[in-house]
Amino acid sequence: MSTLDRLHAGLRRIAPRHEISLIAASTLARLERSGPQRLSDLHDPEGVSQPAMTQLITRLERDGLATRGSDPADGRAVRVAVTDAGRAAVARRRGAHAEGVARAFRQLSAEERAIILTAVPALDRLSELLRTPD
């Protein structure tokens, strides 16, 4: 297993599991970041089928974390938006995740922490490149 695979697995392990799933959190964060989106546009970036995304949005709506409405540009299309409760759930997940990373980070040597902090801009750029389709 490569270093990045192990890092990814470790980051997933420290993510809180008690409230919302990784896909739910990612979808809500996308809606928070980008604003309401068509239901049909949400599944591909999350790597799930459209029926799976429809089921997820149904659960998020039932739990008060997202809302559905018609698209003003096309009344046949469904637009999904994050609610204040959804934003709060994402914030709680981010906070718990950040605390887990901080706990591990504090166990590194000063030299190791400095190396990682120096790499953050390049990792941020890599993240942007991976988020943006070719």
Protein backbone atom coordinates (compact mmCIF):
# COMPACT_ATOMS: atom_id res chain seq x y z
CA MET A 1 0.00 0.00 0.00
CA SER A 2 1.41 3.40 -0.95
CA THR A 3 1.93 6.28 1.44
CA LEU A 4 -1.01 8.20 -0.05
CA ASP A 5 -3.26 5.14 0.26
CA ARG A 6 -2.31 4.75 3.93
CA LEU A 7 -2.83 8.46 4.56
CA HIS A 8 -6.24 8.35 2.87
CA ALA A 9 -7.24 5.28 4.89
CA GLY A 10 -6.09 6.93 8.10
CA LEU A 11 -8.03 10.10 7.37
CA ARG A 12 -11.15 8.04 6.69
CA ARG A 13 -10.70 6.14 9.98
CA ILE A 14 -10.69 9.33 12.06
CA ALA A 15 -13.79 10.73 10.37
CA PRO A 16 -16.74 10.66 12.76
CA ARG A 17 -19.29 8.02 11.81
CA HIS A 18 -22.06 8.83 14.23
CA GLU A 19 -24.01 11.41 12.25
CA ILE A 20 -23.57 11.41 8.48
CA SER A 21 -21.68 9.24 6.02
CA LEU A 22 -18.67 10.34 4.01
CA ILE A 23 -20.76 10.63 0.82
CA ALA A 24 -23.48 12.56 2.65
CA ALA A 25 -20.90 14.94 4.14
CA SER A 26 -19.21 15.40 0.77
CA THR A 27 -22.53 16.09 -0.97
CA LEU A 28 -23.63 18.58 1.68
CA ALA A 29 -20.23 20.29 1.56
CA ARG A 30 -20.51 20.54 -2.24
CA LEU A 31 -23.95 22.14 -1.89
CA GLU A 32 -22.62 24.47 0.80
CA ARG A 33 -19.67 25.49 -1.38
CA SER A 34 -21.43 25.72 -4.76
CA GLY A 35 -25.04 26.49 -3.85
CA PRO A 36 -28.13 24.55 -4.94
CA GLN A 37 -27.56 22.04 -7.72
CA ARG A 38 -29.65 19.79 -9.89
CA LEU A 39 -30.07 16.35 -8.44
CA SER A 40 -28.88 14.90 -11.74
CA ASP A 41 -25.57 16.80 -11.41
CA LEU A 42 -24.69 15.53 -7.94
CA HIS A 43 -24.08 11.83 -8.46
CA ASP A 44 -21.12 11.90 -10.85
CA PRO A 45 -18.74 14.04 -8.73
CA GLU A 46 -19.46 11.79 -5.75
CA GLY A 47 -18.82 8.60 -7.72
CA VAL A 48 -22.23 7.05 -7.14
CA SER A 49 -25.13 6.13 -9.41
CA GLN A 50 -28.01 8.52 -9.91
CA PRO A 51 -30.44 6.18 -8.08
CA ALA A 52 -28.02 6.00 -5.13
CA MET A 53 -27.79 9.80 -5.03
CA THR A 54 -31.58 10.06 -5.19
CA GLN A 55 -31.82 7.74 -2.16
CA LEU A 56 -29.17 9.75 -0.32
CA ILE A 57 -30.96 13.04 -0.98
CA THR A 58 -34.23 11.45 0.18
CA ARG A 59 -32.55 10.52 3.50
CA LEU A 60 -30.91 13.95 3.83
CA GLU A 61 -34.25 15.62 3.18
CA ARG A 62 -36.00 13.33 5.70
CA ASP A 63 -33.35 14.24 8.29
CA GLY A 64 -33.73 17.97 7.58
CA LEU A 65 -30.20 18.34 6.18
CA ALA A 66 -31.20 19.17 2.58
CA THR A 67 -34.25 20.37 0.69
CA ARG A 68 -35.55 19.69 -2.78
CA GLY A 69 -37.30 22.15 -5.03
CA SER A 70 -37.95 22.74 -8.68
CA ASP A 71 -35.30 24.36 -10.84
CA PRO A 72 -36.39 27.88 -11.80
CA ALA A 73 -34.76 27.41 -15.22
CA ASP A 74 -36.52 24.08 -15.84
CA GLY A 75 -39.56 23.15 -13.77
CA ARG A 76 -39.09 19.47 -14.62
CA ALA A 77 -35.68 19.34 -12.95
CA VAL A 78 -35.10 18.96 -9.20
CA ARG A 79 -32.67 21.25 -7.38
CA VAL A 80 -31.18 20.32 -4.04
CA ALA A 81 -29.99 22.78 -1.40
CA VAL A 82 -28.31 22.32 1.97
CA THR A 83 -30.24 23.49 5.05
CA ASP A 84 -28.85 25.25 8.11
CA ALA A 85 -28.99 21.88 9.91
CA GLY A 86 -26.99 20.35 7.04
CA ARG A 87 -24.39 23.10 7.32
CA ALA A 88 -24.16 22.47 11.06
CA ALA A 89 -23.72 18.71 10.52
CA VAL A 90 -20.89 19.36 8.05
CA ALA A 91 -19.26 21.80 10.48
CA ARG A 92 -19.43 19.26 13.33
CA ARG A 93 -17.89 16.58 11.10
CA ARG A 94 -15.13 18.96 9.98
CA GLY A 95 -14.41 19.93 13.57
CA ALA A 96 -14.16 16.33 14.76
CA HIS A 97 -12.01 15.43 11.77
CA ALA A 98 -9.72 18.42 12.34
CA GLU A 99 -9.29 17.43 15.99
CA GLY A 100 -8.28 13.90 14.96
CA VAL A 101 -5.70 15.25 12.50
CA ALA A 102 -4.42 17.75 15.08
CA ARG A 103 -4.03 14.98 17.66
CA ALA A 104 -1.86 12.96 15.25
CA PHE A 105 0.01 16.08 14.07
CA ARG A 106 1.04 16.87 17.67
CA GLN A 107 2.74 13.47 17.85
CA LEU A 108 5.12 14.35 15.01
CA SER A 109 8.51 15.91 15.61
CA ALA A 110 8.96 19.64 15.01
CA GLU A 111 10.94 18.83 11.87
CA GLU A 112 8.19 16.55 10.52
CA ARG A 113 5.52 19.20 11.21
CA ALA A 114 7.61 21.84 9.41
CA ILE A 115 8.02 19.59 6.36
CA ILE A 116 4.29 18.96 6.18
CA LEU A 117 3.43 22.65 6.59
CA THR A 118 5.85 23.50 3.78
CA ALA A 119 4.07 20.99 1.53
CA VAL A 120 0.54 22.30 2.22
CA PRO A 121 0.41 24.75 -0.74
CA ALA A 122 1.48 22.02 -3.18
CA LEU A 123 -1.03 19.57 -1.66
CA ASP A 124 -3.74 22.21 -1.96
CA ARG A 125 -2.89 22.68 -5.64
CA LEU A 126 -2.90 18.92 -6.18
CA SER A 127 -6.32 18.75 -4.53
CA GLU A 128 -7.64 21.40 -6.93
CA LEU A 129 -6.24 19.53 -9.93
CA LEU A 130 -7.88 16.30 -8.78
CA ARG A 131 -11.23 18.05 -8.22
CA THR A 132 -11.30 19.63 -11.67
CA PRO A 133 -12.05 17.28 -14.59
CA ASP A 134 -9.62 17.27 -17.52
